[in-house]
PDB file of N, CA and C in Angstrom:
ATOM      1  N   MET A   1      28.782  28.582  33.117  1.00  0.00           N
ATOM      2  CA  MET A   1      28.282  29.836  33.600  1.00  0.00           C
ATOM      3  C   MET A   1      26.751  29.941  33.591  1.00  0.00           C
ATOM      4  N   THR A   2      26.044  29.972  34.565  1.00  0.00           N
ATOM      5  CA  THR A   2      25.066  30.602  34.530  1.00  0.00           C
ATOM      6  C   THR A   2      24.652  32.654  34.359  1.00  0.00           C
ATOM      7  N   TYR A   3      23.654  33.112  33.754  1.00  0.00           N
ATOM      8  CA  TYR A   3      23.798  34.527  34.246  1.00  0.00           C
ATOM      9  C   TYR A   3      22.058  34.599  35.309  1.00  0.00           C
ATOM     10  N   LYS A   4      22.552  35.999  36.243  1.00  0.00           N
ATOM     11  CA  LYS A   4      21.910  35.649  37.421  1.00  0.00           C
ATOM     12  C   LYS A   4      21.487  36.647  37.298  1.00  0.00           C
ATOM     13  N   ASN A   5      20.340  37.381  36.821  1.00  0.00           N
ATOM     14  CA  ASN A   5      20.161  38.913  37.351  1.00  0.00           C
ATOM     15  C   ASN A   5      20.447  39.589  38.680  1.00  0.00           C
ATOM     16  N   TRP A   6      20.933  39.909  38.858  1.00  0.00           N
ATOM     17  CA  TRP A   6      21.531  40.682  40.532  1.00  0.00           C
ATOM     18  C   TRP A   6      20.171  41.722  40.551  1.00  0.00           C
ATOM     19  N   ASP A   7      19.680  42.384  39.483  1.00  0.00           N
ATOM     20  CA  ASP A   7      18.759  43.599  39.971  1.00  0.00           C
ATOM     21  C   ASP A   7      17.631  42.695  40.828  1.00  0.00           C
ATOM     22  N   LYS A   8      17.235  41.782  40.355  1.00  0.00           N
ATOM     23  CA  LYS A   8      15.847  41.666  40.894  1.00  0.00           C
ATOM     24  C   LYS A   8      16.307  40.744  42.236  1.00  0.00           C
ATOM     25  N   VAL A   9      18.045  40.265  42.378  1.00  0.00           N
ATOM     26  CA  VAL A   9      18.024  40.074  43.579  1.00  0.00           C
ATOM     27  C   VAL A   9      17.891  41.132  44.519  1.00  0.00           C
ATOM     28  N   ARG A  10      18.414  42.346  44.074  1.00  0.00           N
ATOM     29  CA  ARG A  10      18.777  43.458  45.228  1.00  0.00           C
ATOM     30  C   ARG A  10      17.253  44.405  45.566  1.00  0.00           C
ATOM     31  N   ASP A  11      16.424  43.752  44.852  1.00  0.00           N
ATOM     32  CA  ASP A  11      14.716  45.236  44.452  1.00  0.00           C
ATOM     33  C   ASP A  11      14.794  45.424  45.733  1.00  0.00           C
ATOM     34  N   ASN A  12      14.661  44.730  46.960  1.00  0.00           N
ATOM     35  CA  ASN A  12      14.163  45.066  48.490  1.00  0.00           C
ATOM     36  C   ASN A  12      14.905  45.874  49.308  1.00  0.00           C
ATOM     37  N   ARG A  13      16.169  45.837  49.303  1.00  0.00           N
ATOM     38  CA  ARG A  13      17.226  46.144  50.116  1.00  0.00           C
ATOM     39  C   ARG A  13      17.240  47.869  50.632  1.00  0.00           C
ATOM     40  N   LEU A  14      16.767  48.252  49.618  1.00  0.00           N
ATOM     41  CA  LEU A  14      17.049  50.330  49.533  1.00  0.00           C
ATOM     42  C   LEU A  14      15.453  50.053  50.323  1.00  0.00           C
ATOM     43  N   HIS A  15      14.396  49.503  49.920  1.00  0.00           N
ATOM     44  CA  HIS A  15      13.222  49.925  50.236  1.00  0.00           C
ATOM     45  C   HIS A  15      12.762  50.249  51.998  1.00  0.00           C
ATOM     46  N   VAL A  16      14.207  49.071  53.080  1.00  0.00           N
ATOM     47  CA  VAL A  16      13.708  48.921  54.003  1.00  0.00           C
ATOM     48  C   VAL A  16      13.987  50.307  54.789  1.00  0.00           C
ATOM     49  N   TYR A  17      15.087  51.317  54.125  1.00  0.00           N
ATOM     50  CA  TYR A  17      15.562  52.509  54.657  1.00  0.00           C
ATOM     51  C   TYR A  17      14.648  53.587  54.003  1.00  0.00           C
ATOM     52  N   LEU A  18      13.623  53.563  53.019  1.00  0.00           N
ATOM     53  CA  LEU A  18      12.681  54.981  52.787  1.00  0.00           C
ATOM     54  C   LEU A  18      11.197  54.745  53.917  1.00  0.00           C
ATOM     55  N   ASN A  19      11.299  55.952  54.189  1.00  0.00           N
ATOM     56  CA  ASN A  19       9.684  56.419  54.604  1.00  0.00           C
ATOM     57  C   ASN A  19       8.725  56.350  53.556  1.00  0.00           C
ATOM     58  N   GLN A  20       7.486  56.297  53.930  1.00  0.00           N
ATOM     59  CA  GLN A  20       6.490  56.241  52.444  1.00  0.00           C
ATOM     60  C   GLN A  20       6.491  57.265  51.941  1.00  0.00           C
ATOM     61  N   HIS A  21       6.489  58.886  52.155  1.00  0.00           N
ATOM     62  CA  HIS A  21       6.729  59.381  51.518  1.00  0.00           C
ATOM     63  C   HIS A  21       8.246  59.537  50.086  1.00  0.00           C
ATOM     64  N   GLU A  22       9.333  58.995  51.023  1.00  0.00           N
ATOM     65  CA  GLU A  22      10.498  59.143  50.275  1.00  0.00           C
ATOM     66  C   GLU A  22      10.442  57.683  49.027  1.00  0.00           C
ATOM     67  N   LEU A  23       9.497  56.596  49.567  1.00  0.00           N
ATOM     68  CA  LEU A  23       9.217  55.759  48.957  1.00  0.00           C
ATOM     69  C   LEU A  23       8.149  55.612  47.413  1.00  0.00           C
ATOM     70  N   ASP A  24       7.349  56.656  47.899  1.00  0.00           N
ATOM     71  CA  ASP A  24       6.777  56.965  47.215  1.00  0.00           C
ATOM     72  C   ASP A  24       6.907  58.152  46.017  1.00  0.00           C
ATOM     73  N   THR A  25       8.074  59.537  45.983  1.00  0.00           N
ATOM     74  CA  THR A  25       8.870  59.763  45.619  1.00  0.00           C
ATOM     75  C   THR A  25       9.674  59.192  44.246  1.00  0.00           C
ATOM     76  N   PHE A  26      10.136  57.790  45.254  1.00  0.00           N
ATOM     77  CA  PHE A  26      10.897  57.158  43.941  1.00  0.00           C
ATOM     78  C   PHE A  26      10.352  56.073  43.094  1.00  0.00           C
ATOM     79  N   LEU A  27       9.353  55.391  43.363  1.00  0.00           N
ATOM     80  CA  LEU A  27       8.674  55.074  42.631  1.00  0.00           C
ATOM     81  C   LEU A  27       7.688  55.852  40.789  1.00  0.00           C
ATOM     82  N   GLU A  28       7.831  57.123  42.068  1.00  0.00           N
ATOM     83  CA  GLU A  28       7.472  57.753  40.569  1.00  0.00           C
ATOM     84  C   GLU A  28       8.456  58.872  40.279  1.00  0.00           C
ATOM     85  N   ALA A  29       9.674  59.015  40.350  1.00  0.00           N
ATOM     86  CA  ALA A  29      10.713  59.472  39.879  1.00  0.00           C
ATOM     87  C   ALA A  29      11.295  57.679  38.764  1.00  0.00           C
ATOM     88  N   MET A  30      10.804  56.050  39.431  1.00  0.00           N
ATOM     89  CA  MET A  30      11.280  55.720  38.163  1.00  0.00           C
ATOM     90  C   MET A  30      10.350  55.801  36.898  1.00  0.00           C
ATOM     91  N   ARG A  31       8.788  55.531  37.617  1.00  0.00           N
ATOM     92  CA  ARG A  31       7.920  56.256  36.299  1.00  0.00           C
ATOM     93  C   ARG A  31       8.517  56.568  35.285  1.00  0.00           C
ATOM     94  N   LEU A  32       8.709  58.017  35.747  1.00  0.00           N
ATOM     95  CA  LEU A  32       8.821  59.373  34.840  1.00  0.00           C
ATOM     96  C   LEU A  32      10.334  58.540  34.077  1.00  0.00           C
ATOM     97  N   ARG A  33      11.164  58.561  34.327  1.00  0.00           N
ATOM     98  CA  ARG A  33      12.703  57.735  34.081  1.00  0.00           C
ATOM     99  C   ARG A  33      12.432  56.667  32.762  1.00  0.00           C
ATOM    100  N   ASP A  34      11.182  55.643  33.139  1.00  0.00           N
ATOM    101  CA  ASP A  34      11.351  54.596  32.407  1.00  0.00           C
ATOM    102  C   ASP A  34      12.424  53.292  32.835  1.00  0.00           C
ATOM    103  N   LEU A  35      12.713  53.654  34.514  1.00  0.00           N
ATOM    104  CA  LEU A  35      13.393  52.317  34.714  1.00  0.00           C
ATOM    105  C   LEU A  35      12.379  51.162  35.016  1.00  0.00           C
ATOM    106  N   ASP A  36      12.542  50.009  34.600  1.00  0.00           N
ATOM    107  CA  ASP A  36      11.625  48.832  35.132  1.00  0.00           C
ATOM    108  C   ASP A  36      12.123  48.452  36.386  1.00  0.00           C
ATOM    109  N   GLN A  37      13.726  48.459  36.449  1.00  0.00           N
ATOM    110  CA  GLN A  37      14.238  47.341  37.717  1.00  0.00           C
ATOM    111  C   GLN A  37      14.426  48.854  39.305  1.00  0.00           C
ATOM    112  N   LYS A  38      13.516  48.445  39.957  1.00  0.00           N
ATOM    113  CA  LYS A  38      14.331  49.069  41.236  1.00  0.00           C
ATOM    114  C   LYS A  38      15.241  49.375  41.523  1.00  0.00           C
ATOM    115  N   SER A  39      16.210  47.865  41.895  1.00  0.00           N
ATOM    116  CA  SER A  39      17.728  48.243  42.321  1.00  0.00           C
ATOM    117  C   SER A  39      18.467  49.216  40.801  1.00  0.00           C
ATOM    118  N   THR A  40      18.147  48.897  39.581  1.00  0.00           N
ATOM    119  CA  THR A  40      18.522  50.314  38.926  1.00  0.00           C
ATOM    120  C   THR A  40      18.626  51.582  39.046  1.00  0.00           C
ATOM    121  N   ALA A  41      17.312  51.239  39.620  1.00  0.00           N
ATOM    122  CA  ALA A  41      16.716  52.951  40.235  1.00  0.00           C
ATOM    123  C   ALA A  41      17.224  53.793  41.090  1.00  0.00           C
ATOM    124  N   ALA A  42      17.040  52.808  42.185  1.00  0.00           N
ATOM    125  CA  ALA A  42      18.016  53.144  43.405  1.00  0.00           C
ATOM    126  C   ALA A  42      19.285  53.260  43.206  1.00  0.00           C
ATOM    127  N   ARG A  43      19.987  52.052  42.398  1.00  0.00           N
ATOM    128  CA  ARG A  43      21.893  52.518  42.239  1.00  0.00           C
ATOM    129  C   ARG A  43      21.980  53.876  41.198  1.00  0.00           C
ATOM    130  N   THR A  44      21.265  54.441  40.680  1.00  0.00           N
ATOM    131  CA  THR A  44      21.260  55.967  40.072  1.00  0.00           C
ATOM    132  C   THR A  44      20.513  56.807  41.220  1.00  0.00           C
ATOM    133  N   MET A  45      20.267  56.786  41.298  1.00  0.00           N
ATOM    134  CA  MET A  45      19.543  57.499  42.883  1.00  0.00           C
ATOM    135  C   MET A  45      20.321  58.088  43.804  1.00  0.00           C
ATOM    136  N   LEU A  46      20.932  56.499  43.755  1.00  0.00           N
ATOM    137  CA  LEU A  46      22.389  56.865  45.002  1.00  0.00           C
ATOM    138  C   LEU A  46      23.523  57.316  44.543  1.00  0.00           C
ATOM    139  N   ILE A  47      23.429  57.188  43.289  1.00  0.00           N
ATOM    140  CA  ILE A  47      24.864  57.685  42.864  1.00  0.00           C
ATOM    141  C   ILE A  47      24.950  59.542  42.764  1.00  0.00           C
ATOM    142  N   GLU A  48      23.422  60.270  42.604  1.00  0.00           N
ATOM    143  CA  GLU A  48      22.945  61.406  41.981  1.00  0.00           C
ATOM    144  C   GLU A  48      22.977  62.134  43.604  1.00  0.00           C
ATOM    145  N   GLN A  49      22.672  61.498  44.243  1.00  0.00           N
ATOM    146  CA  GLN A  49      22.514  62.013  45.903  1.00  0.00           C
ATOM    147  C   GLN A  49      24.319  61.954  46.135  1.00  0.00           C
ATOM    148  N   ALA A  50      24.419  61.232  46.078  1.00  0.00           N
ATOM    149  CA  ALA A  50      26.209  60.963  46.381  1.00  0.00           C
ATOM    150  C   ALA A  50      26.500  62.355  45.536  1.00  0.00           C
ATOM    151  N   GLN A  51      26.544  62.471  44.480  1.00  0.00           N
ATOM    152  CA  GLN A  51      27.235  63.574  43.738  1.00  0.00           C
ATOM    153  C   GLN A  51      26.410  65.074  44.103  1.00  0.00           C
ATOM    154  N   ALA A  52      25.509  64.747  44.464  1.00  0.00           N
ATOM    155  CA  ALA A  52      25.177  66.446  45.248  1.00  0.00           C
ATOM    156  C   ALA A  52      25.272  66.947  46.414  1.00  0.00           C
ATOM    157  N   ILE A  53      26.168  65.962  47.128  1.00  0.00           N
ATOM    158  CA  ILE A  53      26.299  65.911  48.563  1.00  0.00           C
ATOM    159  C   ILE A  53      27.553  66.154  48.052  1.00  0.00           C
ATOM    160  N   ILE A  54      28.344  65.461  47.314  1.00  0.00           N
ATOM    161  CA  ILE A  54      30.071  66.126  46.694  1.00  0.00           C
ATOM    162  C   ILE A  54      29.955  67.637  47.063  1.00  0.00           C
ATOM    163  N   VAL A  55      28.882  67.853  45.427  1.00  0.00           N
ATOM    164  CA  VAL A  55      29.198  69.500  44.830  1.00  0.00           C
ATOM    165  C   VAL A  55      28.836  70.091  46.075  1.00  0.00           C
ATOM    166  N   ASP A  56      27.808  69.900  46.706  1.00  0.00           N
ATOM    167  CA  ASP A  56      27.275  71.104  47.805  1.00  0.00           C
ATOM    168  C   ASP A  56      28.270  71.230  48.783  1.00  0.00           C
ATOM    169  N   SER A  57      29.055  70.418  49.225  1.00  0.00           N
ATOM    170  CA  SER A  57      30.182  69.948  50.300  1.00  0.00           C
ATOM    171  C   SER A  57      31.379  71.366  50.023  1.00  0.00           C
ATOM    172  N   ARG A  58      31.610  71.151  48.099  1.00  0.00           N
ATOM    173  CA  ARG A  58      32.400  71.500  48.130  1.00  0.00           C
ATOM    174  C   ARG A  58      32.253  72.921  48.418  1.00  0.00           C
ATOM    175  N   LYS A  59      31.228  73.368  47.459  1.00  0.00           N
ATOM    176  CA  LYS A  59      30.763  74.785  47.508  1.00  0.00           C
ATOM    177  C   LYS A  59      30.609  75.992  48.847  1.00  0.00           C
ATOM    178  N   HIS A  60      30.350  74.601  49.957  1.00  0.00           N
ATOM    179  CA  HIS A  60      30.117  75.436  51.043  1.00  0.00           C
ATOM    180  C   HIS A  60      31.326  75.291  52.040  1.00  0.00           C
ATOM    181  N   ARG A  61      31.904  74.437  51.836  1.00  0.00           N
ATOM    182  CA  ARG A  61      33.326  74.059  52.463  1.00  0.00           C
ATOM    183  C   ARG A  61      33.853  75.759  53.210  1.00  0.00           C
ATOM    184  N   PRO A  62      34.382  75.459  54.313  1.00  0.00           N
ATOM    185  CA  PRO A  62      34.799  76.788  54.692  1.00  0.00           C
ATOM    186  C   PRO A  62      36.922  76.940  54.282  1.00  0.00           C
ATOM    187  N   ALA A  63      37.238  78.308  53.447  1.00  0.00           N
ATOM    188  CA  ALA A  63      38.388  78.232  52.966  1.00  0.00           C
ATOM    189  C   ALA A  63      39.618  77.775  54.295  1.00  0.00           C
ATOM    190  N   GLN A  64      40.144  76.628  53.653  1.00  0.00           N
ATOM    191  CA  GLN A  64      41.223  76.452  54.416  1.00  0.00           C
ATOM    192  C   GLN A  64      42.180  77.085  55.096  1.00  0.00           C
ATOM    193  N   THR A  65      42.440  77.514  56.192  1.00  0.00           N
ATOM    194  CA  THR A  65      43.473  78.157  56.638  1.00  0.00           C
ATOM    195  C   THR A  65      43.750  77.853  57.722  1.00  0.00           C
ATOM    196  N   LYS A  66      45.128  77.713  57.488  1.00  0.00           N
ATOM    197  CA  LYS A  66      45.838  77.297  58.581  1.00  0.00           C
ATOM    198  C   LYS A  66      47.262  78.045  58.908  1.00  0.00           C
ATOM    199  N   THR A  67      46.757  77.991  60.997  1.00  0.00           N
ATOM    200  CA  THR A  67      47.609  79.365  61.043  1.00  0.00           C
ATOM    201  C   THR A  67      48.903  78.134  60.997  1.00  0.00           C
ATOM    202  N   GLN A  68      49.681  78.404  61.191  1.00  0.00           N
ATOM    203  CA  GLN A  68      50.738  78.307  61.772  1.00  0.00           C
ATOM    204  C   GLN A  68      51.621  79.244  62.707  1.00  0.00           C
ATOM    205  N   THR A  69      52.499  78.266  63.692  1.00  0.00           N
ATOM    206  CA  THR A  69      52.717  79.208  65.040  1.00  0.00           C
ATOM    207  C   THR A  69      54.675  78.886  64.546  1.00  0.00           C
ATOM    208  N   VAL A  70      55.476  79.741  64.419  1.00  0.00           N
ATOM    209  CA  VAL A  70      57.155  79.883  64.536  1.00  0.00           C
ATOM    210  C   VAL A  70      57.519  80.332  65.713  1.00  0.00           C
ATOM    211  N   LYS A  71      58.746  79.849  66.298  1.00  0.00           N
ATOM    212  CA  LYS A  71      58.722  80.354  67.774  1.00  0.00           C
ATOM    213  C   LYS A  71      60.481  80.924  67.673  1.00  0.00           C
ATOM    214  N   TYR A  72      61.014  82.145  67.636  1.00  0.00           N
ATOM    215  CA  TYR A  72      62.017  82.511  67.535  1.00  0.00           C
ATOM    216  C   TYR A  72      63.028  82.428  69.043  1.00  0.00           C
ATOM    217  N   GLN A  73      63.457  82.197  68.815  1.00  0.00           N
ATOM    218  CA  GLN A  73      64.441  81.765  70.439  1.00  0.00           C
ATOM    219  C   GLN A  73      65.700  83.343  70.142  1.00  0.00           C
ATOM    220  N   LEU A  74      65.089  84.495  70.890  1.00  0.00           N
ATOM    221  CA  LEU A  74      66.499  85.317  70.489  1.00  0.00           C
ATOM    222  C   LEU A  74      67.367  86.042  72.116  1.00  0.00           C
ATOM    223  N   PRO A  75      68.436  86.409  72.000  1.00  0.00           N
ATOM    224  CA  PRO A  75      69.116  86.210  72.804  1.00  0.00           C
ATOM    225  C   PRO A  75      67.882  87.427  74.132  1.00  0.00           C
ATOM    226  N   SER A  76      67.044  88.356  73.599  1.00  0.00           N
ATOM    227  CA  SER A  76      66.560  88.934  74.647  1.00  0.00           C
ATOM    228  C   SER A  76      65.325  87.879  74.795  1.00  0.00           C
ATOM    229  N   GLY A  77      64.872  86.912  74.349  1.00  0.00           N
ATOM    230  CA  GLY A  77      63.823  86.266  75.061  1.00  0.00           C
ATOM    231  C   GLY A  77      62.994  86.092  73.772  1.00  0.00           C
ATOM    232  N   PHE A  78      61.996  84.976  74.162  1.00  0.00           N
ATOM    233  CA  PHE A  78      60.997  84.374  73.320  1.00  0.00           C
ATOM    234  C   PHE A  78      60.172  85.476  72.382  1.00  0.00           C
ATOM    235  N   PHE A  79      59.682  85.162  71.091  1.00  0.00           N
ATOM    236  CA  PHE A  79      58.265  85.435  70.660  1.00  0.00           C
ATOM    237  C   PHE A  79      58.099  84.506  69.486  1.00  0.00           C
ATOM    238  N   THR A  80      56.575  84.642  69.029  1.00  0.00           N
ATOM    239  CA  THR A  80      56.318  83.968  68.128  1.00  0.00           C
ATOM    240  C   THR A  80      55.368  84.645  66.682  1.00  0.00           C
ATOM    241  N   VAL A  81      55.698  84.134  65.865  1.00  0.00           N
ATOM    242  CA  VAL A  81      54.870  84.501  64.797  1.00  0.00           C
ATOM    243  C   VAL A  81      54.094  83.714  64.384  1.00  0.00           C
ATOM    244  N   LEU A  82      53.117  84.585  64.091  1.00  0.00           N
ATOM    245  CA  LEU A  82      51.658  83.719  63.312  1.00  0.00           C
ATOM    246  C   LEU A  82      51.271  84.041  61.870  1.00  0.00           C
ATOM    247  N   THR A  83      51.221  82.818  61.324  1.00  0.00           N
ATOM    248  CA  THR A  83      51.395  82.903  59.671  1.00  0.00           C
ATOM    249  C   THR A  83      50.430  82.409  59.200  1.00  0.00           C
ATOM    250  N   LYS A  84      49.597  83.454  58.561  1.00  0.00           N
ATOM    251  CA  LYS A  84      48.088  81.850  57.966  1.00  0.00           C
ATOM    252  C   LYS A  84      48.428  81.476  56.405  1.00  0.00           C
ATOM    253  N   MET A  85      48.389  80.409  56.264  1.00  0.00           N
ATOM    254  CA  MET A  85      48.234  80.045  54.876  1.00  0.00           C
ATOM    255  C   MET A  85      47.449  79.397  53.922  1.00  0.00           C
TER     256      MET A  85
END
């Protein structure tokens, strides 16, 4: 079984999606963190961005209110009760 360094294979895939400013920032962050392989740095960056998005969406998510409608039929007619859950 041969060992293949997949980090070197996937190095250039992320750079297609970055503009020049984002690429410069990414390379500077790699230099500051002492990461040698670009795909390891890209993986770390994507995980951190995904976690930031998840945390941000949980913080700003509106309260989950569900309006429940209950219809009652009485001999005198119908009426509707709205309850918030």
